[in-house]
Amino acid sequence: MVGHTLSISDLLLIDNFKQAFGSEDKQAIETILFDNGMDVKEPYSLEFSKHRNLRGNIVSCQRYVGEERQDQKWIKGGAASWEAVVESCDLDLRIALKTMSQQSNNTGKICAELERHAGN
């Protein structure tokens, strides 16, 4: 499973969220959370924290914390995180992708060597 958070500051930009949240309409809220990648079949919570929202602003407000959806509609829809895409792959491909992402690309070493040799 891949962790997923949705900030209230971002959700307030969605039509109908303010009304659903204010009236504590759980079904409407869960529909909006699901549409934005939250797996509402798994446990999730509402927590207050200082965090960066999707627009890059640092905010202090509540956010939903849970698991990201793993269904193919979400994975292939273009909004899924890289971690969720990798998690949805078969085991061999998942291992290969995780191994590749942990390997150094040595760019820093190459640049340092080029600079060192350029000075000579």
PDB file of N, CA and C in Angstrom:
ATOM      1  N   MET A   1       0.834  -1.184   0.000  1.00  0.00           N
ATOM      2  CA  MET A   1       0.000   0.000   0.000  1.00  0.00           C
ATOM      3  C   MET A   1       0.880   1.250   0.000  1.00  0.00           C
ATOM      4  N   VAL A   2       0.362   2.287  -0.600  1.00  0.00           N
ATOM      5  CA  VAL A   2       1.076   3.549  -0.710  1.00  0.00           C
ATOM      6  C   VAL A   2       0.288   4.614   0.038  1.00  0.00           C
ATOM      7  N   GLY A   3       0.962   5.325   0.930  1.00  0.00           N
ATOM      8  CA  GLY A   3       0.307   6.382   1.687  1.00  0.00           C
ATOM      9  C   GLY A   3      -0.185   7.498   0.786  1.00  0.00           C
ATOM     10  N   HIS A   4      -1.266   8.153   1.213  1.00  0.00           N
ATOM     11  CA  HIS A   4      -1.868   9.217   0.409  1.00  0.00           C
ATOM     12  C   HIS A   4      -2.460  10.250   1.356  1.00  0.00           C
ATOM     13  N   THR A   5      -2.230  11.528   1.064  1.00  0.00           N
ATOM     14  CA  THR A   5      -2.810  12.597   1.867  1.00  0.00           C
ATOM     15  C   THR A   5      -3.523  13.590   0.960  1.00  0.00           C
ATOM     16  N   LEU A   6      -4.597  14.155   1.465  1.00  0.00           N
ATOM     17  CA  LEU A   6      -5.353  15.190   0.761  1.00  0.00           C
ATOM     18  C   LEU A   6      -5.635  16.318   1.747  1.00  0.00           C
ATOM     19  N   SER A   7      -5.104  17.489   1.466  1.00  0.00           N
ATOM     20  CA  SER A   7      -5.250  18.642   2.340  1.00  0.00           C
ATOM     21  C   SER A   7      -6.631  19.274   2.175  1.00  0.00           C
ATOM     22  N   ILE A   8      -7.205  19.675   3.287  1.00  0.00           N
ATOM     23  CA  ILE A   8      -8.477  20.404   3.243  1.00  0.00           C
ATOM     24  C   ILE A   8      -8.317  21.668   2.393  1.00  0.00           C
ATOM     25  N   SER A   9      -7.140  22.297   2.450  1.00  0.00           N
ATOM     26  CA  SER A   9      -6.915  23.522   1.674  1.00  0.00           C
ATOM     27  C   SER A   9      -7.040  23.278   0.173  1.00  0.00           C
ATOM     28  N   ASP A  10      -6.695  22.088  -0.277  1.00  0.00           N
ATOM     29  CA  ASP A  10      -6.872  21.732  -1.694  1.00  0.00           C
ATOM     30  C   ASP A  10      -8.303  21.281  -1.975  1.00  0.00           C
ATOM     31  N   LEU A  11      -8.854  20.502  -1.068  1.00  0.00           N
ATOM     32  CA  LEU A  11     -10.206  19.971  -1.277  1.00  0.00           C
ATOM     33  C   LEU A  11     -11.253  21.082  -1.331  1.00  0.00           C
ATOM     34  N   LEU A  12     -11.006  22.193  -0.648  1.00  0.00           N
ATOM     35  CA  LEU A  12     -11.962  23.310  -0.672  1.00  0.00           C
ATOM     36  C   LEU A  12     -12.105  23.923  -2.061  1.00  0.00           C
ATOM     37  N   LEU A  13     -11.182  23.621  -2.955  1.00  0.00           N
ATOM     38  CA  LEU A  13     -11.256  24.120  -4.333  1.00  0.00           C
ATOM     39  C   LEU A  13     -12.191  23.277  -5.207  1.00  0.00           C
ATOM     40  N   ILE A  14     -12.638  22.158  -4.671  1.00  0.00           N
ATOM     41  CA  ILE A  14     -13.509  21.238  -5.415  1.00  0.00           C
ATOM     42  C   ILE A  14     -14.963  21.597  -5.162  1.00  0.00           C
ATOM     43  N   ASP A  15     -15.715  21.674  -6.249  1.00  0.00           N
ATOM     44  CA  ASP A  15     -17.152  21.940  -6.121  1.00  0.00           C
ATOM     45  C   ASP A  15     -17.778  20.940  -5.162  1.00  0.00           C
ATOM     46  N   ASN A  16     -18.641  21.416  -4.325  1.00  0.00           N
ATOM     47  CA  ASN A  16     -19.435  20.615  -3.379  1.00  0.00           C
ATOM     48  C   ASN A  16     -18.681  20.143  -2.141  1.00  0.00           C
ATOM     49  N   PHE A  17     -17.334  20.274  -2.082  1.00  0.00           N
ATOM     50  CA  PHE A  17     -16.636  19.769  -0.902  1.00  0.00           C
ATOM     51  C   PHE A  17     -16.982  20.598   0.333  1.00  0.00           C
ATOM     52  N   LYS A  18     -17.001  21.919   0.192  1.00  0.00           N
ATOM     53  CA  LYS A  18     -17.260  22.783   1.350  1.00  0.00           C
ATOM     54  C   LYS A  18     -18.602  22.429   1.989  1.00  0.00           C
ATOM     55  N   GLN A  19     -19.627  22.257   1.169  1.00  0.00           N
ATOM     56  CA  GLN A  19     -20.952  21.908   1.684  1.00  0.00           C
ATOM     57  C   GLN A  19     -20.945  20.515   2.321  1.00  0.00           C
ATOM     58  N   ALA A  20     -20.322  19.545   1.652  1.00  0.00           N
ATOM     59  CA  ALA A  20     -20.272  18.180   2.184  1.00  0.00           C
ATOM     60  C   ALA A  20     -19.514  18.136   3.505  1.00  0.00           C
ATOM     61  N   PHE A  21     -18.397  18.864   3.585  1.00  0.00           N
ATOM     62  CA  PHE A  21     -17.588  18.879   4.799  1.00  0.00           C
ATOM     63  C   PHE A  21     -18.328  19.574   5.933  1.00  0.00           C
ATOM     64  N   GLY A  22     -18.945  20.705   5.620  1.00  0.00           N
ATOM     65  CA  GLY A  22     -19.686  21.461   6.635  1.00  0.00           C
ATOM     66  C   GLY A  22     -20.871  20.710   7.202  1.00  0.00           C
ATOM     67  N   SER A  23     -21.534  19.933   6.359  1.00  0.00           N
ATOM     68  CA  SER A  23     -22.699  19.176   6.824  1.00  0.00           C
ATOM     69  C   SER A  23     -22.338  17.748   7.234  1.00  0.00           C
ATOM     70  N   GLU A  24     -21.028  17.443   7.221  1.00  0.00           N
ATOM     71  CA  GLU A  24     -20.535  16.112   7.597  1.00  0.00           C
ATOM     72  C   GLU A  24     -21.207  15.001   6.802  1.00  0.00           C
ATOM     73  N   ASP A  25     -21.392  15.225   5.517  1.00  0.00           N
ATOM     74  CA  ASP A  25     -21.995  14.248   4.602  1.00  0.00           C
ATOM     75  C   ASP A  25     -20.918  13.238   4.209  1.00  0.00           C
ATOM     76  N   LYS A  26     -20.818  12.147   4.968  1.00  0.00           N
ATOM     77  CA  LYS A  26     -19.744  11.167   4.787  1.00  0.00           C
ATOM     78  C   LYS A  26     -19.735  10.569   3.382  1.00  0.00           C
ATOM     79  N   GLN A  27     -20.889  10.275   2.838  1.00  0.00           N
ATOM     80  CA  GLN A  27     -20.946   9.673   1.508  1.00  0.00           C
ATOM     81  C   GLN A  27     -20.398  10.635   0.441  1.00  0.00           C
ATOM     82  N   ALA A  28     -20.800  11.893   0.503  1.00  0.00           N
ATOM     83  CA  ALA A  28     -20.309  12.882  -0.465  1.00  0.00           C
ATOM     84  C   ALA A  28     -18.809  13.122  -0.292  1.00  0.00           C
ATOM     85  N   ILE A  29     -18.353  13.192   0.954  1.00  0.00           N
ATOM     86  CA  ILE A  29     -16.926  13.379   1.222  1.00  0.00           C
ATOM     87  C   ILE A  29     -16.138  12.198   0.673  1.00  0.00           C
ATOM     88  N   GLU A  30     -16.607  10.977   0.923  1.00  0.00           N
ATOM     89  CA  GLU A  30     -15.886   9.796   0.446  1.00  0.00           C
ATOM     90  C   GLU A  30     -15.864   9.725  -1.075  1.00  0.00           C
ATOM     91  N   THR A  31     -16.902  10.197  -1.731  1.00  0.00           N
ATOM     92  CA  THR A  31     -16.901  10.245  -3.194  1.00  0.00           C
ATOM     93  C   THR A  31     -15.808  11.186  -3.684  1.00  0.00           C
ATOM     94  N   ILE A  32     -15.681  12.344  -3.047  1.00  0.00           N
ATOM     95  CA  ILE A  32     -14.657  13.320  -3.427  1.00  0.00           C
ATOM     96  C   ILE A  32     -13.264  12.781  -3.113  1.00  0.00           C
ATOM     97  N   LEU A  33     -13.091  12.162  -1.953  1.00  0.00           N
ATOM     98  CA  LEU A  33     -11.797  11.572  -1.608  1.00  0.00           C
ATOM     99  C   LEU A  33     -11.412  10.491  -2.615  1.00  0.00           C
ATOM    100  N   PHE A  34     -12.362   9.627  -2.954  1.00  0.00           N
ATOM    101  CA  PHE A  34     -12.116   8.545  -3.921  1.00  0.00           C
ATOM    102  C   PHE A  34     -11.727   9.129  -5.277  1.00  0.00           C
ATOM    103  N   ASP A  35     -12.453  10.137  -5.728  1.00  0.00           N
ATOM    104  CA  ASP A  35     -12.159  10.769  -7.022  1.00  0.00           C
ATOM    105  C   ASP A  35     -10.774  11.399  -7.049  1.00  0.00           C
ATOM    106  N   ASN A  36     -10.226  11.687  -5.864  1.00  0.00           N
ATOM    107  CA  ASN A  36      -8.911  12.304  -5.757  1.00  0.00           C
ATOM    108  C   ASN A  36      -7.847  11.333  -5.245  1.00  0.00           C
ATOM    109  N   GLY A  37      -8.111  10.041  -5.408  1.00  0.00           N
ATOM    110  CA  GLY A  37      -7.078   9.041  -5.185  1.00  0.00           C
ATOM    111  C   GLY A  37      -7.039   8.344  -3.851  1.00  0.00           C
ATOM    112  N   MET A  38      -7.947   8.658  -2.941  1.00  0.00           N
ATOM    113  CA  MET A  38      -7.947   8.017  -1.626  1.00  0.00           C
ATOM    114  C   MET A  38      -8.725   6.705  -1.695  1.00  0.00           C
ATOM    115  N   ASP A  39      -8.129   5.635  -1.187  1.00  0.00           N
ATOM    116  CA  ASP A  39      -8.826   4.352  -1.115  1.00  0.00           C
ATOM    117  C   ASP A  39      -9.707   4.387   0.133  1.00  0.00           C
ATOM    118  N   VAL A  40     -10.990   4.680  -0.054  1.00  0.00           N
ATOM    119  CA  VAL A  40     -11.893   4.846   1.090  1.00  0.00           C
ATOM    120  C   VAL A  40     -12.346   3.511   1.670  1.00  0.00           C
ATOM    121  N   LYS A  41     -11.949   2.402   1.038  1.00  0.00           N
ATOM    122  CA  LYS A  41     -12.236   1.081   1.613  1.00  0.00           C
ATOM    123  C   LYS A  41     -11.229   0.731   2.695  1.00  0.00           C
ATOM    124  N   GLU A  42     -10.094   1.422   2.684  1.00  0.00           N
ATOM    125  CA  GLU A  42      -9.064   1.246   3.707  1.00  0.00           C
ATOM    126  C   GLU A  42      -9.255   2.323   4.781  1.00  0.00           C
ATOM    127  N   PRO A  43      -8.740   2.082   5.982  1.00  0.00           N
ATOM    128  CA  PRO A  43      -8.876   3.097   7.033  1.00  0.00           C
ATOM    129  C   PRO A  43      -8.177   4.401   6.645  1.00  0.00           C
ATOM    130  N   TYR A  44      -8.807   5.505   6.994  1.00  0.00           N
ATOM    131  CA  TYR A  44      -8.201   6.820   6.800  1.00  0.00           C
ATOM    132  C   TYR A  44      -8.599   7.688   7.977  1.00  0.00           C
ATOM    133  N   SER A  45      -7.851   8.770   8.172  1.00  0.00           N
ATOM    134  CA  SER A  45      -8.145   9.651   9.303  1.00  0.00           C
ATOM    135  C   SER A  45      -8.027  11.106   8.864  1.00  0.00           C
ATOM    136  N   LEU A  46      -8.538  11.974   9.699  1.00  0.00           N
ATOM    137  CA  LEU A  46      -8.450  13.412   9.483  1.00  0.00           C
ATOM    138  C   LEU A  46      -7.525  13.946  10.568  1.00  0.00           C
ATOM    139  N   GLU A  47      -6.375  14.508  10.153  1.00  0.00           N
ATOM    140  CA  GLU A  47      -5.363  14.960  11.100  1.00  0.00           C
ATOM    141  C   GLU A  47      -5.012  16.417  10.849  1.00  0.00           C
ATOM    142  N   PHE A  48      -4.735  17.144  11.923  1.00  0.00           N
ATOM    143  CA  PHE A  48      -4.286  18.523  11.804  1.00  0.00           C
ATOM    144  C   PHE A  48      -2.770  18.528  11.737  1.00  0.00           C
ATOM    145  N   SER A  49      -2.212  19.231  10.763  1.00  0.00           N
ATOM    146  CA  SER A  49      -0.754  19.327  10.665  1.00  0.00           C
ATOM    147  C   SER A  49      -0.346  20.516   9.809  1.00  0.00           C
ATOM    148  N   LYS A  50       0.908  20.878   9.937  1.00  0.00           N
ATOM    149  CA  LYS A  50       1.513  21.863   9.051  1.00  0.00           C
ATOM    150  C   LYS A  50       2.102  21.070   7.892  1.00  0.00           C
ATOM    151  N   HIS A  51       1.705  21.406   6.680  1.00  0.00           N
ATOM    152  CA  HIS A  51       2.148  20.649   5.517  1.00  0.00           C
ATOM    153  C   HIS A  51       2.126  21.526   4.271  1.00  0.00           C
ATOM    154  N   ARG A  52       2.661  21.003   3.203  1.00  0.00           N
ATOM    155  CA  ARG A  52       2.645  21.704   1.923  1.00  0.00           C
ATOM    156  C   ARG A  52       1.499  21.131   1.098  1.00  0.00           C
ATOM    157  N   ASN A  53       0.638  22.022   0.607  1.00  0.00           N
ATOM    158  CA  ASN A  53      -0.499  21.531  -0.187  1.00  0.00           C
ATOM    159  C   ASN A  53      -0.072  21.323  -1.641  1.00  0.00           C
ATOM    160  N   LEU A  54      -0.997  20.906  -2.486  1.00  0.00           N
ATOM    161  CA  LEU A  54      -0.676  20.597  -3.876  1.00  0.00           C
ATOM    162  C   LEU A  54      -0.256  21.819  -4.682  1.00  0.00           C
ATOM    163  N   ARG A  55      -0.578  22.997  -4.186  1.00  0.00           N
ATOM    164  CA  ARG A  55      -0.186  24.231  -4.873  1.00  0.00           C
ATOM    165  C   ARG A  55       1.150  24.756  -4.388  1.00  0.00           C
ATOM    166  N   GLY A  56       1.786  24.006  -3.473  1.00  0.00           N
ATOM    167  CA  GLY A  56       3.106  24.379  -2.979  1.00  0.00           C
ATOM    168  C   GLY A  56       3.115  25.312  -1.793  1.00  0.00           C
ATOM    169  N   ASN A  57       1.951  25.664  -1.266  1.00  0.00           N
ATOM    170  CA  ASN A  57       1.863  26.551  -0.108  1.00  0.00           C
ATOM    171  C   ASN A  57       2.003  25.761   1.187  1.00  0.00           C
ATOM    172  N   ILE A  58       2.704  26.328   2.164  1.00  0.00           N
ATOM    173  CA  ILE A  58       2.766  25.713   3.487  1.00  0.00           C
ATOM    174  C   ILE A  58       1.534  26.172   4.247  1.00  0.00           C
ATOM    175  N   VAL A  59       0.745  25.218   4.714  1.00  0.00           N
ATOM    176  CA  VAL A  59      -0.510  25.514   5.403  1.00  0.00           C
ATOM    177  C   VAL A  59      -0.580  24.739   6.712  1.00  0.00           C
ATOM    178  N   SER A  60      -1.364  25.244   7.638  1.00  0.00           N
ATOM    179  CA  SER A  60      -1.656  24.544   8.887  1.00  0.00           C
ATOM    180  C   SER A  60      -3.154  24.307   8.900  1.00  0.00           C
ATOM    181  N   CYS A  61      -3.546  23.086   8.623  1.00  0.00           N
ATOM    182  CA  CYS A  61      -4.966  22.737   8.580  1.00  0.00           C
ATOM    183  C   CYS A  61      -5.096  21.215   8.632  1.00  0.00           C
ATOM    184  N   GLN A  62      -6.312  20.763   8.565  1.00  0.00           N
ATOM    185  CA  GLN A  62      -6.546  19.328   8.568  1.00  0.00           C
ATOM    186  C   GLN A  62      -6.259  18.739   7.195  1.00  0.00           C
ATOM    187  N   ARG A  63      -5.922  17.467   7.202  1.00  0.00           N
ATOM    188  CA  ARG A  63      -5.763  16.725   5.958  1.00  0.00           C
ATOM    189  C   ARG A  63      -6.180  15.284   6.190  1.00  0.00           C
ATOM    190  N   TYR A  64      -6.682  14.682   5.138  1.00  0.00           N
ATOM    191  CA  TYR A  64      -7.032  13.268   5.187  1.00  0.00           C
ATOM    192  C   TYR A  64      -5.767  12.458   4.933  1.00  0.00           C
ATOM    193  N   VAL A  65      -5.551  11.439   5.749  1.00  0.00           N
ATOM    194  CA  VAL A  65      -4.373  10.581   5.639  1.00  0.00           C
ATOM    195  C   VAL A  65      -4.867   9.143   5.494  1.00  0.00           C
ATOM    196  N   GLY A  66      -4.446   8.491   4.432  1.00  0.00           N
ATOM    197  CA  GLY A  66      -4.869   7.110   4.194  1.00  0.00           C
ATOM    198  C   GLY A  66      -3.986   6.445   3.168  1.00  0.00           C
ATOM    199  N   GLU A  67      -4.590   5.609   2.356  1.00  0.00           N
ATOM    200  CA  GLU A  67      -3.878   4.853   1.331  1.00  0.00           C
ATOM    201  C   GLU A  67      -4.337   5.280  -0.053  1.00  0.00           C
ATOM    202  N   GLU A  68      -3.410   5.251  -1.012  1.00  0.00           N
ATOM    203  CA  GLU A  68      -3.741   5.617  -2.381  1.00  0.00           C
ATOM    204  C   GLU A  68      -4.440   4.451  -3.084  1.00  0.00           C
ATOM    205  N   ARG A  69      -5.373   4.801  -3.936  1.00  0.00           N
ATOM    206  CA  ARG A  69      -6.077   3.791  -4.728  1.00  0.00           C
ATOM    207  C   ARG A  69      -5.092   3.004  -5.587  1.00  0.00           C
ATOM    208  N   GLN A  70      -5.407   1.720  -5.807  1.00  0.00           N
ATOM    209  CA  GLN A  70      -4.569   0.861  -6.634  1.00  0.00           C
ATOM    210  C   GLN A  70      -5.314   0.308  -7.842  1.00  0.00           C
ATOM    211  N   ASP A  71      -6.567   0.725  -8.035  1.00  0.00           N
ATOM    212  CA  ASP A  71      -7.336   0.200  -9.167  1.00  0.00           C
ATOM    213  C   ASP A  71      -6.782   0.743 -10.482  1.00  0.00           C
ATOM    214  N   GLN A  72      -6.992  -0.015 -11.554  1.00  0.00           N
ATOM    215  CA  GLN A  72      -6.426   0.334 -12.859  1.00  0.00           C
ATOM    216  C   GLN A  72      -6.940   1.663 -13.405  1.00  0.00           C
ATOM    217  N   LYS A  73      -8.163   2.026 -13.111  1.00  0.00           N
ATOM    218  CA  LYS A  73      -8.680   3.308 -13.574  1.00  0.00           C
ATOM    219  C   LYS A  73      -7.855   4.445 -12.997  1.00  0.00           C
ATOM    220  N   TRP A  74      -7.522   4.373 -11.718  1.00  0.00           N
ATOM    221  CA  TRP A  74      -6.706   5.403 -11.079  1.00  0.00           C
ATOM    222  C   TRP A  74      -5.263   5.348 -11.592  1.00  0.00           C
ATOM    223  N   ILE A  75      -4.690   4.155 -11.643  1.00  0.00           N
ATOM    224  CA  ILE A  75      -3.294   3.990 -12.052  1.00  0.00           C
ATOM    225  C   ILE A  75      -3.086   4.494 -13.477  1.00  0.00           C
ATOM    226  N   LYS A  76      -4.013   4.207 -14.375  1.00  0.00           N
ATOM    227  CA  LYS A  76      -3.866   4.593 -15.782  1.00  0.00           C
ATOM    228  C   LYS A  76      -4.432   5.981 -16.082  1.00  0.00           C
ATOM    229  N   GLY A  77      -5.033   6.627 -15.091  1.00  0.00           N
ATOM    230  CA  GLY A  77      -5.678   7.923 -15.304  1.00  0.00           C
ATOM    231  C   GLY A  77      -4.739   9.113 -15.370  1.00  0.00           C
ATOM    232  N   GLY A  78      -3.475   8.927 -14.999  1.00  0.00           N
ATOM    233  CA  GLY A  78      -2.505  10.007 -15.098  1.00  0.00           C
ATOM    234  C   GLY A  78      -2.259  10.790 -13.824  1.00  0.00           C
ATOM    235  N   ALA A  79      -3.036  10.567 -12.783  1.00  0.00           N
ATOM    236  CA  ALA A  79      -2.854  11.326 -11.541  1.00  0.00           C
ATOM    237  C   ALA A  79      -2.220  10.496 -10.427  1.00  0.00           C
ATOM    238  N   ALA A  80      -2.031   9.210 -10.651  1.00  0.00           N
ATOM    239  CA  ALA A  80      -1.463   8.335  -9.627  1.00  0.00           C
ATOM    240  C   ALA A  80       0.002   8.698  -9.377  1.00  0.00           C
ATOM    241  N   SER A  81       0.455   8.482  -8.147  1.00  0.00           N
ATOM    242  CA  SER A  81       1.858   8.722  -7.813  1.00  0.00           C
ATOM    243  C   SER A  81       2.725   7.634  -8.452  1.00  0.00           C
ATOM    244  N   TRP A  82       4.004   7.949  -8.603  1.00  0.00           N
ATOM    245  CA  TRP A  82       4.956   6.965  -9.137  1.00  0.00           C
ATOM    246  C   TRP A  82       4.967   5.720  -8.251  1.00  0.00           C
ATOM    247  N   GLU A  83       4.899   5.914  -6.933  1.00  0.00           N
ATOM    248  CA  GLU A  83       4.912   4.790  -6.002  1.00  0.00           C
ATOM    249  C   GLU A  83       3.707   3.880  -6.221  1.00  0.00           C
ATOM    250  N   ALA A  84       2.550   4.465  -6.480  1.00  0.00           N
ATOM    251  CA  ALA A  84       1.347   3.655  -6.726  1.00  0.00           C
ATOM    252  C   ALA A  84       1.461   2.901  -8.045  1.00  0.00           C
ATOM    253  N   VAL A  85       2.034   3.539  -9.058  1.00  0.00           N
ATOM    254  CA  VAL A  85       2.225   2.862 -10.348  1.00  0.00           C
ATOM    255  C   VAL A  85       3.161   1.678 -10.173  1.00  0.00           C
ATOM    256  N   VAL A  86       4.275   1.886  -9.482  1.00  0.00           N
ATOM    257  CA  VAL A  86       5.228   0.794  -9.248  1.00  0.00           C
ATOM    258  C   VAL A  86       4.568  -0.322  -8.442  1.00  0.00           C
ATOM    259  N   GLU A  87       3.828   0.052  -7.412  1.00  0.00           N
ATOM    260  CA  GLU A  87       3.155  -0.940  -6.555  1.00  0.00           C
ATOM    261  C   GLU A  87       2.169  -1.793  -7.343  1.00  0.00           C
ATOM    262  N   SER A  88       1.603  -1.232  -8.415  1.00  0.00           N
ATOM    263  CA  SER A  88       0.607  -1.969  -9.199  1.00  0.00           C
ATOM    264  C   SER A  88       1.227  -2.947 -10.198  1.00  0.00           C
ATOM    265  N   CYS A  89       2.553  -2.871 -10.382  1.00  0.00           N
ATOM    266  CA  CYS A  89       3.239  -3.748 -11.345  1.00  0.00           C
ATOM    267  C   CYS A  89       3.390  -5.156 -10.778  1.00  0.00           C
ATOM    268  N   ASP A  90       3.698  -6.111 -11.680  1.00  0.00           N
ATOM    269  CA  ASP A  90       3.963  -7.468 -11.198  1.00  0.00           C
ATOM    270  C   ASP A  90       5.261  -7.457 -10.384  1.00  0.00           C
ATOM    271  N   LEU A  91       5.468  -8.482  -9.583  1.00  0.00           N
ATOM    272  CA  LEU A  91       6.549  -8.511  -8.604  1.00  0.00           C
ATOM    273  C   LEU A  91       7.925  -8.321  -9.239  1.00  0.00           C
ATOM    274  N   ASP A  92       8.228  -9.016 -10.340  1.00  0.00           N
ATOM    275  CA  ASP A  92       9.547  -8.903 -10.963  1.00  0.00           C
ATOM    276  C   ASP A  92       9.824  -7.480 -11.439  1.00  0.00           C
ATOM    277  N   LEU A  93       8.845  -6.867 -12.099  1.00  0.00           N
ATOM    278  CA  LEU A  93       9.015  -5.499 -12.575  1.00  0.00           C
ATOM    279  C   LEU A  93       9.126  -4.531 -11.404  1.00  0.00           C
ATOM    280  N   ARG A  94       8.332  -4.747 -10.359  1.00  0.00           N
ATOM    281  CA  ARG A  94       8.382  -3.887  -9.172  1.00  0.00           C
ATOM    282  C   ARG A  94       9.775  -3.920  -8.545  1.00  0.00           C
ATOM    283  N   ILE A  95      10.357  -5.111  -8.419  1.00  0.00           N
ATOM    284  CA  ILE A  95      11.702  -5.237  -7.847  1.00  0.00           C
ATOM    285  C   ILE A  95      12.715  -4.519  -8.720  1.00  0.00           C
ATOM    286  N   ALA A  96      12.620  -4.690 -10.043  1.00  0.00           N
ATOM    287  CA  ALA A  96      13.556  -4.036 -10.962  1.00  0.00           C
ATOM    288  C   ALA A  96      13.428  -2.514 -10.879  1.00  0.00           C
ATOM    289  N   LEU A  97      12.221  -1.991 -10.851  1.00  0.00           N
ATOM    290  CA  LEU A  97      12.017  -0.550 -10.790  1.00  0.00           C
ATOM    291  C   LEU A  97      12.519   0.030  -9.477  1.00  0.00           C
ATOM    292  N   LYS A  98      12.253  -0.655  -8.365  1.00  0.00           N
ATOM    293  CA  LYS A  98      12.724  -0.161  -7.072  1.00  0.00           C
ATOM    294  C   LYS A  98      14.239  -0.195  -6.993  1.00  0.00           C
ATOM    295  N   THR A  99      14.860  -1.225  -7.554  1.00  0.00           N
ATOM    296  CA  THR A  99      16.319  -1.318  -7.569  1.00  0.00           C
ATOM    297  C   THR A  99      16.912  -0.198  -8.409  1.00  0.00           C
ATOM    298  N   MET A 100      16.336   0.035  -9.580  1.00  0.00           N
ATOM    299  CA  MET A 100      16.833   1.098 -10.453  1.00  0.00           C
ATOM    300  C   MET A 100      16.707   2.461  -9.796  1.00  0.00           C
ATOM    301  N   SER A 101      15.629   2.697  -9.076  1.00  0.00           N
ATOM    302  CA  SER A 101      15.421   4.015  -8.463  1.00  0.00           C
ATOM    303  C   SER A 101      16.388   4.265  -7.314  1.00  0.00           C
ATOM    304  N   GLN A 102      17.002   3.200  -6.783  1.00  0.00           N
ATOM    305  CA  GLN A 102      17.933   3.355  -5.670  1.00  0.00           C
ATOM    306  C   GLN A 102      19.380   3.455  -6.138  1.00  0.00           C
ATOM    307  N   GLN A 103      19.633   3.187  -7.421  1.00  0.00           N
ATOM    308  CA  GLN A 103      20.989   3.230  -7.935  1.00  0.00           C
ATOM    309  C   GLN A 103      21.405   4.668  -8.213  1.00  0.00           C
ATOM    310  N   SER A 104      22.666   4.953  -7.921  1.00  0.00           N
ATOM    311  CA  SER A 104      23.204   6.281  -8.200  1.00  0.00           C
ATOM    312  C   SER A 104      23.418   6.427  -9.697  1.00  0.00           C
ATOM    313  N   ASN A 105      23.161   7.602 -10.201  1.00  0.00           N
ATOM    314  CA  ASN A 105      23.420   7.831 -11.627  1.00  0.00           C
ATOM    315  C   ASN A 105      24.783   8.476 -11.842  1.00  0.00           C
ATOM    316  N   ASN A 106      25.499   8.731 -10.763  1.00  0.00           N
ATOM    317  CA  ASN A 106      26.868   9.247 -10.801  1.00  0.00           C
ATOM    318  C   ASN A 106      27.016  10.599 -11.482  1.00  0.00           C
ATOM    319  N   THR A 107      25.953  11.330 -11.688  1.00  0.00           N
ATOM    320  CA  THR A 107      26.034  12.630 -12.348  1.00  0.00           C
ATOM    321  C   THR A 107      26.951  13.582 -11.590  1.00  0.00           C
ATOM    322  N   GLY A 108      26.821  13.616 -10.282  1.00  0.00           N
ATOM    323  CA  GLY A 108      27.664  14.498  -9.475  1.00  0.00           C
ATOM    324  C   GLY A 108      29.136  14.173  -9.605  1.00  0.00           C
ATOM    325  N   LYS A 109      29.467  12.888  -9.597  1.00  0.00           N
ATOM    326  CA  LYS A 109      30.865  12.474  -9.739  1.00  0.00           C
ATOM    327  C   LYS A 109      31.410  12.853 -11.112  1.00  0.00           C
ATOM    328  N   ILE A 110      30.612  12.647 -12.146  1.00  0.00           N
ATOM    329  CA  ILE A 110      31.040  12.974 -13.507  1.00  0.00           C
ATOM    330  C   ILE A 110      31.288  14.472 -13.635  1.00  0.00           C
ATOM    331  N   CYS A 111      30.377  15.292 -13.112  1.00  0.00           N
ATOM    332  CA  CYS A 111      30.540  16.752 -13.172  1.00  0.00           C
ATOM    333  C   CYS A 111      31.793  17.187 -12.422  1.00  0.00           C
ATOM    334  N   ALA A 112      32.049  16.613 -11.258  1.00  0.00           N
ATOM    335  CA  ALA A 112      33.235  16.959 -10.475  1.00  0.00           C
ATOM    336  C   ALA A 112      34.506  16.598 -11.238  1.00  0.00           C
ATOM    337  N   GLU A 113      34.517  15.450 -11.871  1.00  0.00           N
ATOM    338  CA  GLU A 113      35.684  15.037 -12.657  1.00  0.00           C
ATOM    339  C   GLU A 113      35.896  15.957 -13.850  1.00  0.00           C
ATOM    340  N   LEU A 114      34.805  16.332 -14.522  1.00  0.00           N
ATOM    341  CA  LEU A 114      34.924  17.241 -15.664  1.00  0.00           C
ATOM    342  C   LEU A 114      35.486  18.586 -15.220  1.00  0.00           C
ATOM    343  N   GLU A 115      35.010  19.100 -14.096  1.00  0.00           N
ATOM    344  CA  GLU A 115      35.512  20.369 -13.577  1.00  0.00           C
ATOM    345  C   GLU A 115      36.976  20.270 -13.194  1.00  0.00           C
ATOM    346  N   ARG A 116      37.337  19.147 -12.579  1.00  0.00           N
ATOM    347  CA  ARG A 116      38.736  18.928 -12.160  1.00  0.00           C
ATOM    348  C   ARG A 116      39.650  18.905 -13.377  1.00  0.00           C
ATOM    349  N   HIS A 117      39.235  18.202 -14.428  1.00  0.00           N
ATOM    350  CA  HIS A 117      40.054  18.089 -15.627  1.00  0.00           C
ATOM    351  C   HIS A 117      40.045  19.375 -16.446  1.00  0.00           C
ATOM    352  N   ALA A 118      38.966  20.134 -16.370  1.00  0.00           N
ATOM    353  CA  ALA A 118      38.900  21.401 -17.110  1.00  0.00           C
ATOM    354  C   ALA A 118      39.874  22.422 -16.546  1.00  0.00           C
ATOM    355  N   GLY A 119      40.206  22.293 -15.265  1.00  0.00           N
ATOM    356  CA  GLY A 119      41.132  23.220 -14.614  1.00  0.00           C
ATOM    357  C   GLY A 119      42.578  22.947 -14.982  1.00  0.00           C
ATOM    358  N   ASN A 120      42.887  21.801 -15.535  1.00  0.00           N
ATOM    359  CA  ASN A 120      44.273  21.453 -15.895  1.00  0.00           C
ATOM    360  C   ASN A 120      44.681  21.974 -17.236  1.00  0.00           C
TER     361      ASN A 120
END
